[in-house]
PDB file of N, CA and C in Angstrom:
ATOM      1  N   UNK A   1     283.297  36.316  54.527  1.00  0.00           N
ATOM      2  CA  UNK A   1     282.244  35.563  55.054  1.00  0.00           C
ATOM      3  C   UNK A   1     281.420  34.586  54.132  1.00  0.00           C
ATOM      4  N   UNK A   2     281.026  33.466  54.645  1.00  0.00           N
ATOM      5  CA  UNK A   2     280.244  32.623  54.038  1.00  0.00           C
ATOM      6  C   UNK A   2     278.944  32.820  54.279  1.00  0.00           C
ATOM      7  N   UNK A   3     277.933  32.735  53.287  1.00  0.00           N
ATOM      8  CA  UNK A   3     276.622  32.882  53.477  1.00  0.00           C
ATOM      9  C   UNK A   3     276.155  31.406  54.046  1.00  0.00           C
ATOM     10  N   UNK A   4     275.271  31.528  54.941  1.00  0.00           N
ATOM     11  CA  UNK A   4     274.676  30.309  55.665  1.00  0.00           C
ATOM     12  C   UNK A   4     273.443  29.860  54.940  1.00  0.00           C
ATOM     13  N   UNK A   5     273.589  28.659  54.185  1.00  0.00           N
ATOM     14  CA  UNK A   5     272.298  28.115  53.684  1.00  0.00           C
ATOM     15  C   UNK A   5     271.363  27.495  54.378  1.00  0.00           C
ATOM     16  N   UNK A   6     270.166  27.889  54.222  1.00  0.00           N
ATOM     17  CA  UNK A   6     268.931  27.195  54.726  1.00  0.00           C
ATOM     18  C   UNK A   6     268.544  25.960  54.306  1.00  0.00           C
ATOM     19  N   UNK A   7     268.557  24.898  55.126  1.00  0.00           N
ATOM     20  CA  UNK A   7     268.270  23.615  54.768  1.00  0.00           C
ATOM     21  C   UNK A   7     266.836  23.398  54.077  1.00  0.00           C
ATOM     22  N   UNK A   8     266.685  22.632  53.183  1.00  0.00           N
ATOM     23  CA  UNK A   8     265.330  22.261  52.583  1.00  0.00           C
ATOM     24  C   UNK A   8     264.721  21.219  53.258  1.00  0.00           C
ATOM     25  N   UNK A   9     263.457  21.378  53.406  1.00  0.00           N
ATOM     26  CA  UNK A   9     262.651  20.298  53.956  1.00  0.00           C
ATOM     27  C   UNK A   9     261.478  20.007  52.838  1.00  0.00           C
ATOM     28  N   UNK A  10     260.785  18.923  52.744  1.00  0.00           N
ATOM     29  CA  UNK A  10     259.742  18.403  52.061  1.00  0.00           C
ATOM     30  C   UNK A  10     258.383  18.660  52.852  1.00  0.00           C
ATOM     31  N   UNK A  11     257.454  19.370  52.189  1.00  0.00           N
ATOM     32  CA  UNK A  11     256.192  19.461  52.624  1.00  0.00           C
ATOM     33  C   UNK A  11     255.240  18.121  52.613  1.00  0.00           C
ATOM     34  N   UNK A  12     254.757  17.629  53.811  1.00  0.00           N
ATOM     35  CA  UNK A  12     254.122  16.276  53.811  1.00  0.00           C
ATOM     36  C   UNK A  12     252.698  16.391  52.893  1.00  0.00           C
ATOM     37  N   UNK A  13     252.274  17.358  52.592  1.00  0.00           N
ATOM     38  CA  UNK A  13     251.176  17.620  51.815  1.00  0.00           C
ATOM     39  C   UNK A  13     251.348  17.610  50.307  1.00  0.00           C
ATOM     40  N   UNK A  14     251.922  18.707  49.981  1.00  0.00           N
ATOM     41  CA  UNK A  14     252.199  18.586  48.504  1.00  0.00           C
ATOM     42  C   UNK A  14     253.439  18.309  47.840  1.00  0.00           C
ATOM     43  N   UNK A  15     254.723  17.813  48.852  1.00  0.00           N
ATOM     44  CA  UNK A  15     255.660  17.044  48.542  1.00  0.00           C
ATOM     45  C   UNK A  15     256.673  17.951  47.904  1.00  0.00           C
ATOM     46  N   UNK A  16     256.648  19.394  47.852  1.00  0.00           N
ATOM     47  CA  UNK A  16     257.694  20.173  47.501  1.00  0.00           C
ATOM     48  C   UNK A  16     258.684  20.514  48.341  1.00  0.00           C
ATOM     49  N   UNK A  17     259.708  20.550  47.994  1.00  0.00           N
ATOM     50  CA  UNK A  17     261.093  20.886  48.685  1.00  0.00           C
ATOM     51  C   UNK A  17     261.176  22.542  49.198  1.00  0.00           C
ATOM     52  N   UNK A  18     260.944  23.090  50.181  1.00  0.00           N
ATOM     53  CA  UNK A  18     260.884  24.411  50.404  1.00  0.00           C
ATOM     54  C   UNK A  18     261.870  24.693  51.663  1.00  0.00           C
ATOM     55  N   UNK A  19     262.557  25.961  51.834  1.00  0.00           N
ATOM     56  CA  UNK A  19     263.277  26.354  52.909  1.00  0.00           C
ATOM     57  C   UNK A  19     262.697  26.141  53.973  1.00  0.00           C
ATOM     58  N   UNK A  20     263.368  25.623  54.985  1.00  0.00           N
ATOM     59  CA  UNK A  20     262.857  25.291  56.423  1.00  0.00           C
ATOM     60  C   UNK A  20     262.002  26.469  57.056  1.00  0.00           C
ATOM     61  N   UNK A  21     262.721  27.780  56.727  1.00  0.00           N
ATOM     62  CA  UNK A  21     261.983  28.541  57.633  1.00  0.00           C
ATOM     63  C   UNK A  21     260.582  29.139  56.963  1.00  0.00           C
ATOM     64  N   UNK A  22     260.266  28.492  55.806  1.00  0.00           N
ATOM     65  CA  UNK A  22     258.983  28.808  55.185  1.00  0.00           C
ATOM     66  C   UNK A  22     258.034  27.635  55.457  1.00  0.00           C
ATOM     67  N   UNK A  23     258.180  26.986  56.402  1.00  0.00           N
ATOM     68  CA  UNK A  23     257.270  25.804  56.826  1.00  0.00           C
ATOM     69  C   UNK A  23     256.916  25.749  58.194  1.00  0.00           C
ATOM     70  N   UNK A  24     255.807  25.082  58.513  1.00  0.00           N
ATOM     71  CA  UNK A  24     255.568  24.761  60.167  1.00  0.00           C
ATOM     72  C   UNK A  24     256.004  23.344  60.242  1.00  0.00           C
ATOM     73  N   UNK A  25     256.385  23.345  61.527  1.00  0.00           N
ATOM     74  CA  UNK A  25     257.167  21.944  61.851  1.00  0.00           C
ATOM     75  C   UNK A  25     255.961  21.413  63.087  1.00  0.00           C
ATOM     76  N   UNK A  26     255.723  20.065  62.938  1.00  0.00           N
ATOM     77  CA  UNK A  26     254.714  19.470  63.954  1.00  0.00           C
ATOM     78  C   UNK A  26     256.103  18.550  64.366  1.00  0.00           C
ATOM     79  N   UNK A  27     256.046  18.177  65.879  1.00  0.00           N
ATOM     80  CA  UNK A  27     256.981  17.307  66.315  1.00  0.00           C
ATOM     81  C   UNK A  27     256.359  16.419  67.259  1.00  0.00           C
ATOM     82  N   UNK A  28     256.674  15.127  67.283  1.00  0.00           N
ATOM     83  CA  UNK A  28     256.391  14.120  68.198  1.00  0.00           C
ATOM     84  C   UNK A  28     257.385  14.001  69.216  1.00  0.00           C
ATOM     85  N   UNK A  29     257.068  14.450  70.391  1.00  0.00           N
ATOM     86  CA  UNK A  29     257.883  14.145  71.504  1.00  0.00           C
ATOM     87  C   UNK A  29     257.693  13.276  72.684  1.00  0.00           C
ATOM     88  N   UNK A  30     258.324  13.209  73.876  1.00  0.00           N
ATOM     89  CA  UNK A  30     257.800  12.271  74.732  1.00  0.00           C
ATOM     90  C   UNK A  30     256.481  12.819  75.394  1.00  0.00           C
ATOM     91  N   UNK A  31     256.479  14.131  75.343  1.00  0.00           N
ATOM     92  CA  UNK A  31     255.142  14.898  75.951  1.00  0.00           C
ATOM     93  C   UNK A  31     254.157  14.583  75.099  1.00  0.00           C
ATOM     94  N   UNK A  32     254.229  14.514  73.820  1.00  0.00           N
ATOM     95  CA  UNK A  32     253.100  14.185  72.905  1.00  0.00           C
ATOM     96  C   UNK A  32     253.154  15.025  71.618  1.00  0.00           C
ATOM     97  N   UNK A  33     252.338  15.114  70.637  1.00  0.00           N
ATOM     98  CA  UNK A  33     252.734  15.866  69.481  1.00  0.00           C
ATOM     99  C   UNK A  33     252.206  17.429  69.711  1.00  0.00           C
ATOM    100  N   UNK A  34     253.074  18.273  69.182  1.00  0.00           N
ATOM    101  CA  UNK A  34     252.769  19.686  69.346  1.00  0.00           C
ATOM    102  C   UNK A  34     253.387  20.428  68.076  1.00  0.00           C
ATOM    103  N   UNK A  35     252.845  21.755  67.988  1.00  0.00           N
ATOM    104  CA  UNK A  35     253.523  22.567  66.775  1.00  0.00           C
ATOM    105  C   UNK A  35     254.928  23.196  67.490  1.00  0.00           C
ATOM    106  N   UNK A  36     255.887  23.054  66.655  1.00  0.00           N
ATOM    107  CA  UNK A  36     257.122  23.613  67.014  1.00  0.00           C
ATOM    108  C   UNK A  36     257.504  24.773  66.139  1.00  0.00           C
ATOM    109  N   UNK A  37     257.519  25.998  66.940  1.00  0.00           N
ATOM    110  CA  UNK A  37     257.658  27.202  66.090  1.00  0.00           C
ATOM    111  C   UNK A  37     259.166  27.647  66.047  1.00  0.00           C
ATOM    112  N   UNK A  38     259.782  26.965  67.004  1.00  0.00           N
ATOM    113  CA  UNK A  38     261.298  27.098  67.229  1.00  0.00           C
ATOM    114  C   UNK A  38     262.284  26.285  66.365  1.00  0.00           C
ATOM    115  N   UNK A  39     261.622  25.308  65.791  1.00  0.00           N
ATOM    116  CA  UNK A  39     262.457  24.395  64.905  1.00  0.00           C
ATOM    117  C   UNK A  39     263.459  23.681  65.711  1.00  0.00           C
ATOM    118  N   UNK A  40     263.409  23.562  67.128  1.00  0.00           N
ATOM    119  CA  UNK A  40     264.624  23.173  67.552  1.00  0.00           C
ATOM    120  C   UNK A  40     264.123  21.950  68.715  1.00  0.00           C
ATOM    121  N   UNK A  41     262.891  21.795  68.600  1.00  0.00           N
ATOM    122  CA  UNK A  41     262.487  20.734  69.806  1.00  0.00           C
ATOM    123  C   UNK A  41     262.975  19.216  69.356  1.00  0.00           C
ATOM    124  N   UNK A  42     263.377  18.560  70.173  1.00  0.00           N
ATOM    125  CA  UNK A  42     263.883  17.202  69.955  1.00  0.00           C
ATOM    126  C   UNK A  42     262.593  16.077  69.910  1.00  0.00           C
ATOM    127  N   UNK A  43     262.950  15.299  68.728  1.00  0.00           N
ATOM    128  CA  UNK A  43     261.957  14.446  68.399  1.00  0.00           C
ATOM    129  C   UNK A  43     261.650  14.147  66.961  1.00  0.00           C
ATOM    130  N   UNK A  44     260.781  13.455  66.607  1.00  0.00           N
ATOM    131  CA  UNK A  44     260.482  13.385  64.875  1.00  0.00           C
ATOM    132  C   UNK A  44     259.570  14.469  64.637  1.00  0.00           C
ATOM    133  N   UNK A  45     259.985  15.028  63.365  1.00  0.00           N
ATOM    134  CA  UNK A  45     259.183  16.065  62.968  1.00  0.00           C
ATOM    135  C   UNK A  45     258.588  15.961  61.661  1.00  0.00           C
ATOM    136  N   UNK A  46     257.554  16.560  61.296  1.00  0.00           N
ATOM    137  CA  UNK A  46     257.037  16.706  59.927  1.00  0.00           C
ATOM    138  C   UNK A  46     256.836  18.194  59.739  1.00  0.00           C
ATOM    139  N   UNK A  47     256.918  18.704  58.444  1.00  0.00           N
ATOM    140  CA  UNK A  47     256.544  19.956  57.816  1.00  0.00           C
ATOM    141  C   UNK A  47     255.462  20.095  56.885  1.00  0.00           C
ATOM    142  N   UNK A  48     255.008  21.103  56.898  1.00  0.00           N
ATOM    143  CA  UNK A  48     253.973  21.510  55.956  1.00  0.00           C
ATOM    144  C   UNK A  48     254.241  22.972  55.670  1.00  0.00           C
ATOM    145  N   UNK A  49     253.723  23.388  54.409  1.00  0.00           N
ATOM    146  CA  UNK A  49     253.826  24.541  53.791  1.00  0.00           C
ATOM    147  C   UNK A  49     253.018  25.661  54.745  1.00  0.00           C
ATOM    148  N   UNK A  50     253.312  26.878  54.712  1.00  0.00           N
ATOM    149  CA  UNK A  50     252.334  27.850  55.246  1.00  0.00           C
ATOM    150  C   UNK A  50     251.181  28.386  54.582  1.00  0.00           C
ATOM    151  N   UNK A  51     250.455  27.292  53.861  1.00  0.00           N
ATOM    152  CA  UNK A  51     249.493  27.681  53.085  1.00  0.00           C
ATOM    153  C   UNK A  51     248.242  26.750  53.539  1.00  0.00           C
ATOM    154  N   UNK A  52     247.076  27.517  53.488  1.00  0.00           N
ATOM    155  CA  UNK A  52     245.848  26.890  54.056  1.00  0.00           C
ATOM    156  C   UNK A  52     245.528  25.531  53.183  1.00  0.00           C
ATOM    157  N   UNK A  53     245.791  25.712  51.936  1.00  0.00           N
ATOM    158  CA  UNK A  53     245.519  24.541  51.104  1.00  0.00           C
ATOM    159  C   UNK A  53     246.385  23.271  51.443  1.00  0.00           C
ATOM    160  N   UNK A  54     247.531  23.485  51.915  1.00  0.00           N
ATOM    161  CA  UNK A  54     248.497  22.367  52.308  1.00  0.00           C
ATOM    162  C   UNK A  54     248.282  21.919  53.784  1.00  0.00           C
ATOM    163  N   UNK A  55     247.890  22.782  54.663  1.00  0.00           N
ATOM    164  CA  UNK A  55     247.324  22.425  55.930  1.00  0.00           C
ATOM    165  C   UNK A  55     245.983  21.387  55.577  1.00  0.00           C
ATOM    166  N   UNK A  56     245.010  21.926  54.911  1.00  0.00           N
ATOM    167  CA  UNK A  56     243.820  21.029  54.548  1.00  0.00           C
ATOM    168  C   UNK A  56     244.165  19.893  53.952  1.00  0.00           C
ATOM    169  N   UNK A  57     245.076  19.794  53.096  1.00  0.00           N
ATOM    170  CA  UNK A  57     245.348  18.415  52.303  1.00  0.00           C
ATOM    171  C   UNK A  57     246.174  17.723  53.251  1.00  0.00           C
ATOM    172  N   UNK A  58     247.282  17.944  54.073  1.00  0.00           N
ATOM    173  CA  UNK A  58     247.706  17.125  55.019  1.00  0.00           C
ATOM    174  C   UNK A  58     246.902  16.667  56.013  1.00  0.00           C
ATOM    175  N   UNK A  59     245.709  17.374  56.399  1.00  0.00           N
ATOM    176  CA  UNK A  59     244.827  16.713  57.372  1.00  0.00           C
ATOM    177  C   UNK A  59     243.920  15.877  56.775  1.00  0.00           C
ATOM    178  N   UNK A  60     243.573  15.950  55.407  1.00  0.00           N
ATOM    179  CA  UNK A  60     242.605  15.158  54.627  1.00  0.00           C
ATOM    180  C   UNK A  60     243.374  13.742  54.246  1.00  0.00           C
ATOM    181  N   UNK A  61     244.541  13.838  54.002  1.00  0.00           N
ATOM    182  CA  UNK A  61     245.412  12.656  53.750  1.00  0.00           C
ATOM    183  C   UNK A  61     245.932  12.029  54.905  1.00  0.00           C
ATOM    184  N   UNK A  62     245.733  12.482  56.069  1.00  0.00           N
ATOM    185  CA  UNK A  62     246.241  11.907  57.335  1.00  0.00           C
ATOM    186  C   UNK A  62     247.817  11.929  57.288  1.00  0.00           C
ATOM    187  N   UNK A  63     248.423  12.880  56.677  1.00  0.00           N
ATOM    188  CA  UNK A  63     249.811  12.933  56.182  1.00  0.00           C
ATOM    189  C   UNK A  63     250.628  12.941  57.624  1.00  0.00           C
ATOM    190  N   UNK A  64     250.236  13.807  58.304  1.00  0.00           N
ATOM    191  CA  UNK A  64     250.906  13.869  59.777  1.00  0.00           C
ATOM    192  C   UNK A  64     250.836  12.278  60.586  1.00  0.00           C
ATOM    193  N   UNK A  65     249.756  11.799  60.594  1.00  0.00           N
ATOM    194  CA  UNK A  65     249.805  10.438  61.108  1.00  0.00           C
ATOM    195  C   UNK A  65     250.690   9.557  60.568  1.00  0.00           C
ATOM    196  N   UNK A  66     251.004   9.425  59.008  1.00  0.00           N
ATOM    197  CA  UNK A  66     251.967   8.741  58.585  1.00  0.00           C
ATOM    198  C   UNK A  66     253.248   8.952  58.732  1.00  0.00           C
ATOM    199  N   UNK A  67     253.706  10.360  58.757  1.00  0.00           N
ATOM    200  CA  UNK A  67     254.947  10.832  58.919  1.00  0.00           C
ATOM    201  C   UNK A  67     255.545  10.718  60.161  1.00  0.00           C
ATOM    202  N   UNK A  68     254.746  10.869  61.260  1.00  0.00           N
ATOM    203  CA  UNK A  68     255.030  10.859  62.506  1.00  0.00           C
ATOM    204  C   UNK A  68     254.837   9.356  63.217  1.00  0.00           C
ATOM    205  N   UNK A  69     254.328   8.672  62.599  1.00  0.00           N
ATOM    206  CA  UNK A  69     254.105   7.418  62.932  1.00  0.00           C
ATOM    207  C   UNK A  69     253.064   7.104  64.264  1.00  0.00           C
ATOM    208  N   UNK A  70     252.172   7.857  63.976  1.00  0.00           N
ATOM    209  CA  UNK A  70     251.117   7.906  65.303  1.00  0.00           C
ATOM    210  C   UNK A  70     249.952   8.847  65.138  1.00  0.00           C
ATOM    211  N   UNK A  71     248.917   8.737  65.866  1.00  0.00           N
ATOM    212  CA  UNK A  71     247.721   9.621  65.555  1.00  0.00           C
ATOM    213  C   UNK A  71     248.028  10.905  65.782  1.00  0.00           C
ATOM    214  N   UNK A  72     247.631  11.826  65.161  1.00  0.00           N
ATOM    215  CA  UNK A  72     247.581  13.366  65.476  1.00  0.00           C
ATOM    216  C   UNK A  72     246.276  13.812  65.870  1.00  0.00           C
ATOM    217  N   UNK A  73     246.241  14.312  67.032  1.00  0.00           N
ATOM    218  CA  UNK A  73     244.793  15.108  67.420  1.00  0.00           C
ATOM    219  C   UNK A  73     244.291  16.201  66.455  1.00  0.00           C
ATOM    220  N   UNK A  74     243.156  16.381  66.671  1.00  0.00           N
ATOM    221  CA  UNK A  74     242.535  17.475  65.797  1.00  0.00           C
ATOM    222  C   UNK A  74     243.017  18.872  66.462  1.00  0.00           C
ATOM    223  N   UNK A  75     243.266  18.771  67.768  1.00  0.00           N
ATOM    224  CA  UNK A  75     243.991  20.073  68.491  1.00  0.00           C
ATOM    225  C   UNK A  75     245.033  20.530  67.818  1.00  0.00           C
ATOM    226  N   UNK A  76     246.013  19.690  67.384  1.00  0.00           N
ATOM    227  CA  UNK A  76     247.371  20.046  66.857  1.00  0.00           C
ATOM    228  C   UNK A  76     247.046  20.610  65.513  1.00  0.00           C
ATOM    229  N   UNK A  77     246.036  20.235  64.586  1.00  0.00           N
ATOM    230  CA  UNK A  77     245.749  20.748  63.297  1.00  0.00           C
ATOM    231  C   UNK A  77     245.035  22.189  63.653  1.00  0.00           C
ATOM    232  N   UNK A  78     244.243  22.203  64.583  1.00  0.00           N
ATOM    233  CA  UNK A  78     243.580  23.617  64.820  1.00  0.00           C
ATOM    234  C   UNK A  78     244.394  24.588  65.229  1.00  0.00           C
ATOM    235  N   UNK A  79     245.319  24.161  65.923  1.00  0.00           N
ATOM    236  CA  UNK A  79     246.749  25.123  66.317  1.00  0.00           C
ATOM    237  C   UNK A  79     247.399  25.469  65.143  1.00  0.00           C
ATOM    238  N   UNK A  80     247.665  24.671  64.025  1.00  0.00           N
ATOM    239  CA  UNK A  80     248.098  25.039  62.646  1.00  0.00           C
ATOM    240  C   UNK A  80     247.240  26.116  61.996  1.00  0.00           C
ATOM    241  N   UNK A  81     245.887  25.796  62.010  1.00  0.00           N
ATOM    242  CA  UNK A  81     245.057  26.839  61.492  1.00  0.00           C
ATOM    243  C   UNK A  81     245.258  28.073  62.108  1.00  0.00           C
ATOM    244  N   UNK A  82     245.014  28.023  63.647  1.00  0.00           N
ATOM    245  CA  UNK A  82     245.386  29.249  64.322  1.00  0.00           C
ATOM    246  C   UNK A  82     246.688  29.967  64.102  1.00  0.00           C
ATOM    247  N   UNK A  83     247.774  29.376  63.961  1.00  0.00           N
ATOM    248  CA  UNK A  83     249.089  30.021  63.564  1.00  0.00           C
ATOM    249  C   UNK A  83     248.984  30.445  62.228  1.00  0.00           C
ATOM    250  N   UNK A  84     248.317  29.906  61.190  1.00  0.00           N
ATOM    251  CA  UNK A  84     248.371  30.231  59.765  1.00  0.00           C
ATOM    252  C   UNK A  84     247.500  31.705  59.663  1.00  0.00           C
ATOM    253  N   UNK A  85     246.266  31.791  60.513  1.00  0.00           N
ATOM    254  CA  UNK A  85     245.637  32.924  60.725  1.00  0.00           C
ATOM    255  C   UNK A  85     246.232  33.893  61.215  1.00  0.00           C
ATOM    256  N   UNK A  86     247.007  33.780  62.315  1.00  0.00           N
ATOM    257  CA  UNK A  86     247.788  34.925  62.850  1.00  0.00           C
ATOM    258  C   UNK A  86     249.003  35.184  62.120  1.00  0.00           C
ATOM    259  N   UNK A  87     249.529  34.520  61.085  1.00  0.00           N
ATOM    260  CA  UNK A  87     250.563  34.903  60.361  1.00  0.00           C
ATOM    261  C   UNK A  87     250.531  35.786  59.081  1.00  0.00           C
ATOM    262  N   UNK A  88     249.123  35.818  58.802  1.00  0.00           N
ATOM    263  CA  UNK A  88     248.471  36.758  57.762  1.00  0.00           C
ATOM    264  C   UNK A  88     248.785  38.134  57.878  1.00  0.00           C
TER     265      UNK A  88
END
């Protein structure tokens, strides 16, 4: 049997290439922008490391706005912080 490789994705804050399962995904769908914990939602996605520093840096640099090509509400950023605190 072959081992399944996990694809790498780039963090919008620090720019490091990290395995996809070690990142949070924020996705822009027709319904709006939301946190995608399943990694399967259809739409344009942006990834950020599961570190508080990276979430803060992405918010400060407006990296999600640039990557998703639209304004990201503060509610989405707060849901990232909430999920980070629940993962600890």
